[in-house]
Amino acid sequence: MRLRRRSIPDDALDSGQNNPYVNVLTVLKGHENDPNIQKLAKLLTSPEVKRFIEEKYQRAVVPAF
């Protein structure tokens, strides 16, 4: 099987705003305030993670936070 990388127009990657292709962190009802979930949410949206995504994926993935 051969995999191809699709070309995406640059204007589609300007920001994560209004992009239907996003990842979200979901939790079971009642666990929204769990300290571990809160810590995970904070870490996932940290400047370090944003920098990692930008460097690793070079605009193939755009951090939307």
N, C-alpha and C. Protein backbone atom coordinates (compact mmCIF):
# COMPACT_ATOMS: atom_id res chain seq x y z
N MET A 1 0.83 -1.17 0.00
CA MET A 1 0.00 0.00 0.00
C MET A 1 0.89 1.24 0.00
N ARG A 2 0.58 2.16 -0.87
CA ARG A 2 1.32 3.43 -0.93
C ARG A 2 0.46 4.51 -0.30
N LEU A 3 1.09 5.31 0.52
CA LEU A 3 0.40 6.44 1.14
C LEU A 3 0.84 7.72 0.46
N ARG A 4 -0.10 8.60 0.22
CA ARG A 4 0.22 9.88 -0.37
C ARG A 4 -0.15 10.98 0.60
N ARG A 5 0.65 12.00 0.62
CA ARG A 5 0.35 13.17 1.44
C ARG A 5 -0.40 14.16 0.57
N ARG A 6 -1.56 14.56 1.04
CA ARG A 6 -2.36 15.51 0.27
C ARG A 6 -1.85 16.92 0.45
N SER A 7 -1.87 17.65 -0.63
CA SER A 7 -1.49 19.06 -0.58
C SER A 7 -2.68 19.87 -0.08
N ILE A 8 -2.43 20.74 0.89
CA ILE A 8 -3.47 21.58 1.47
C ILE A 8 -3.11 23.03 1.17
N PRO A 9 -4.08 23.81 0.67
CA PRO A 9 -3.79 25.22 0.38
C PRO A 9 -3.33 25.95 1.63
N ASP A 10 -2.37 26.86 1.46
CA ASP A 10 -1.84 27.60 2.60
C ASP A 10 -2.90 28.37 3.36
N ASP A 11 -3.88 28.92 2.65
CA ASP A 11 -4.89 29.70 3.36
C ASP A 11 -5.77 28.83 4.27
N ALA A 12 -5.77 27.55 4.05
CA ALA A 12 -6.53 26.64 4.92
C ALA A 12 -5.80 26.40 6.23
N LEU A 13 -4.53 26.74 6.28
CA LEU A 13 -3.72 26.46 7.46
C LEU A 13 -3.35 27.69 8.27
N ASP A 14 -3.92 28.81 7.95
CA ASP A 14 -3.53 30.03 8.64
C ASP A 14 -3.79 29.99 10.13
N SER A 15 -4.88 29.37 10.55
CA SER A 15 -5.17 29.27 11.98
C SER A 15 -6.10 28.10 12.20
N GLY A 16 -6.30 27.78 13.44
CA GLY A 16 -7.23 26.72 13.78
C GLY A 16 -8.65 27.21 13.91
N GLN A 17 -8.87 28.50 13.74
CA GLN A 17 -10.21 29.06 13.89
C GLN A 17 -11.15 28.51 12.82
N ASN A 18 -12.33 28.13 13.24
CA ASN A 18 -13.38 27.64 12.35
C ASN A 18 -12.97 26.43 11.52
N ASN A 19 -12.02 25.68 11.99
CA ASN A 19 -11.57 24.48 11.30
C ASN A 19 -12.35 23.28 11.83
N PRO A 20 -13.03 22.54 10.95
CA PRO A 20 -13.83 21.41 11.42
C PRO A 20 -12.99 20.19 11.83
N TYR A 21 -11.69 20.22 11.57
CA TYR A 21 -10.84 19.08 11.87
C TYR A 21 -9.99 19.38 13.10
N VAL A 22 -10.55 19.15 14.26
CA VAL A 22 -9.83 19.43 15.50
C VAL A 22 -9.90 18.22 16.42
N ASN A 23 -8.99 18.16 17.34
CA ASN A 23 -9.01 17.16 18.39
C ASN A 23 -9.53 17.82 19.65
N VAL A 24 -10.27 17.07 20.42
CA VAL A 24 -10.80 17.59 21.68
C VAL A 24 -10.53 16.61 22.80
N LEU A 25 -10.47 17.12 23.99
CA LEU A 25 -10.33 16.30 25.18
C LEU A 25 -11.73 16.16 25.79
N THR A 26 -12.22 14.94 25.87
CA THR A 26 -13.54 14.71 26.46
C THR A 26 -13.39 13.85 27.70
N VAL A 27 -14.31 14.05 28.64
CA VAL A 27 -14.30 13.27 29.88
C VAL A 27 -15.72 12.83 30.20
N LEU A 28 -15.81 11.82 31.02
CA LEU A 28 -17.11 11.37 31.46
C LEU A 28 -17.77 12.42 32.34
N LYS A 29 -19.07 12.51 32.24
CA LYS A 29 -19.83 13.45 33.04
C LYS A 29 -19.50 13.23 34.52
N GLY A 30 -19.24 14.33 35.21
CA GLY A 30 -18.88 14.26 36.62
C GLY A 30 -17.39 14.28 36.87
N HIS A 31 -16.59 14.12 35.82
CA HIS A 31 -15.13 14.12 35.97
C HIS A 31 -14.49 15.41 35.47
N GLU A 32 -15.31 16.38 35.13
CA GLU A 32 -14.80 17.62 34.53
C GLU A 32 -13.82 18.35 35.44
N ASN A 33 -14.01 18.24 36.74
CA ASN A 33 -13.15 18.97 37.69
C ASN A 33 -12.10 18.09 38.35
N ASP A 34 -11.94 16.88 37.85
CA ASP A 34 -10.91 15.98 38.37
C ASP A 34 -9.56 16.66 38.20
N PRO A 35 -8.75 16.74 39.27
CA PRO A 35 -7.46 17.41 39.17
C PRO A 35 -6.55 16.83 38.08
N ASN A 36 -6.62 15.53 37.86
CA ASN A 36 -5.79 14.92 36.82
C ASN A 36 -6.23 15.35 35.43
N ILE A 37 -7.54 15.47 35.22
CA ILE A 37 -8.06 15.94 33.93
C ILE A 37 -7.68 17.40 33.72
N GLN A 38 -7.79 18.20 34.75
CA GLN A 38 -7.43 19.62 34.66
C GLN A 38 -5.95 19.77 34.32
N LYS A 39 -5.12 18.94 34.94
CA LYS A 39 -3.67 19.00 34.67
C LYS A 39 -3.38 18.58 33.22
N LEU A 40 -4.04 17.52 32.77
CA LEU A 40 -3.86 17.06 31.40
C LEU A 40 -4.27 18.14 30.40
N ALA A 41 -5.42 18.77 30.64
CA ALA A 41 -5.89 19.83 29.74
C ALA A 41 -4.89 20.98 29.69
N LYS A 42 -4.34 21.33 30.83
CA LYS A 42 -3.36 22.41 30.88
C LYS A 42 -2.09 22.03 30.11
N LEU A 43 -1.63 20.80 30.30
CA LEU A 43 -0.42 20.35 29.60
C LEU A 43 -0.62 20.26 28.09
N LEU A 44 -1.78 19.78 27.66
CA LEU A 44 -2.04 19.63 26.23
C LEU A 44 -2.09 20.96 25.49
N THR A 45 -2.39 22.03 26.21
CA THR A 45 -2.47 23.35 25.57
C THR A 45 -1.33 24.27 25.98
N SER A 46 -0.24 23.67 26.42
CA SER A 46 0.90 24.46 26.87
C SER A 46 1.71 24.99 25.68
N PRO A 47 2.48 26.05 25.92
CA PRO A 47 3.36 26.57 24.86
C PRO A 47 4.37 25.53 24.37
N GLU A 48 4.80 24.64 25.27
CA GLU A 48 5.76 23.61 24.87
C GLU A 48 5.13 22.63 23.87
N VAL A 49 3.90 22.24 24.11
CA VAL A 49 3.21 21.34 23.19
C VAL A 49 2.96 22.04 21.85
N LYS A 50 2.57 23.29 21.91
CA LYS A 50 2.34 24.06 20.67
C LYS A 50 3.63 24.12 19.85
N ARG A 51 4.74 24.40 20.50
CA ARG A 51 6.04 24.48 19.81
C ARG A 51 6.41 23.12 19.22
N PHE A 52 6.18 22.04 19.98
CA PHE A 52 6.46 20.69 19.49
C PHE A 52 5.67 20.39 18.22
N ILE A 53 4.37 20.69 18.25
CA ILE A 53 3.51 20.44 17.08
C ILE A 53 4.01 21.23 15.88
N GLU A 54 4.34 22.49 16.08
CA GLU A 54 4.80 23.33 14.97
C GLU A 54 6.12 22.82 14.39
N GLU A 55 7.04 22.39 15.24
CA GLU A 55 8.34 21.92 14.77
C GLU A 55 8.26 20.53 14.16
N LYS A 56 7.51 19.65 14.79
CA LYS A 56 7.43 18.26 14.34
C LYS A 56 6.65 18.12 13.04
N TYR A 57 5.52 18.81 12.93
CA TYR A 57 4.62 18.59 11.80
C TYR A 57 4.68 19.67 10.72
N GLN A 58 5.41 20.74 10.95
CA GLN A 58 5.68 21.75 9.94
C GLN A 58 4.48 22.09 9.07
N ARG A 59 3.41 22.56 9.70
CA ARG A 59 2.18 23.03 9.07
C ARG A 59 1.27 21.92 8.56
N ALA A 60 1.66 20.64 8.68
CA ALA A 60 0.74 19.56 8.32
C ALA A 60 -0.32 19.45 9.42
N VAL A 61 0.03 19.88 10.63
CA VAL A 61 -0.88 19.95 11.77
C VAL A 61 -0.72 21.35 12.35
N VAL A 62 -1.84 22.01 12.61
CA VAL A 62 -1.79 23.37 13.13
C VAL A 62 -2.43 23.39 14.52
N PRO A 63 -1.67 23.81 15.55
CA PRO A 63 -2.27 23.90 16.89
C PRO A 63 -3.37 24.95 16.90
N ALA A 64 -4.52 24.58 17.44
CA ALA A 64 -5.67 25.49 17.44
C ALA A 64 -5.94 26.05 18.83
N PHE A 65 -4.89 26.23 19.60
CA PHE A 65 -5.05 26.77 20.95
C PHE A 65 -4.03 27.85 21.19
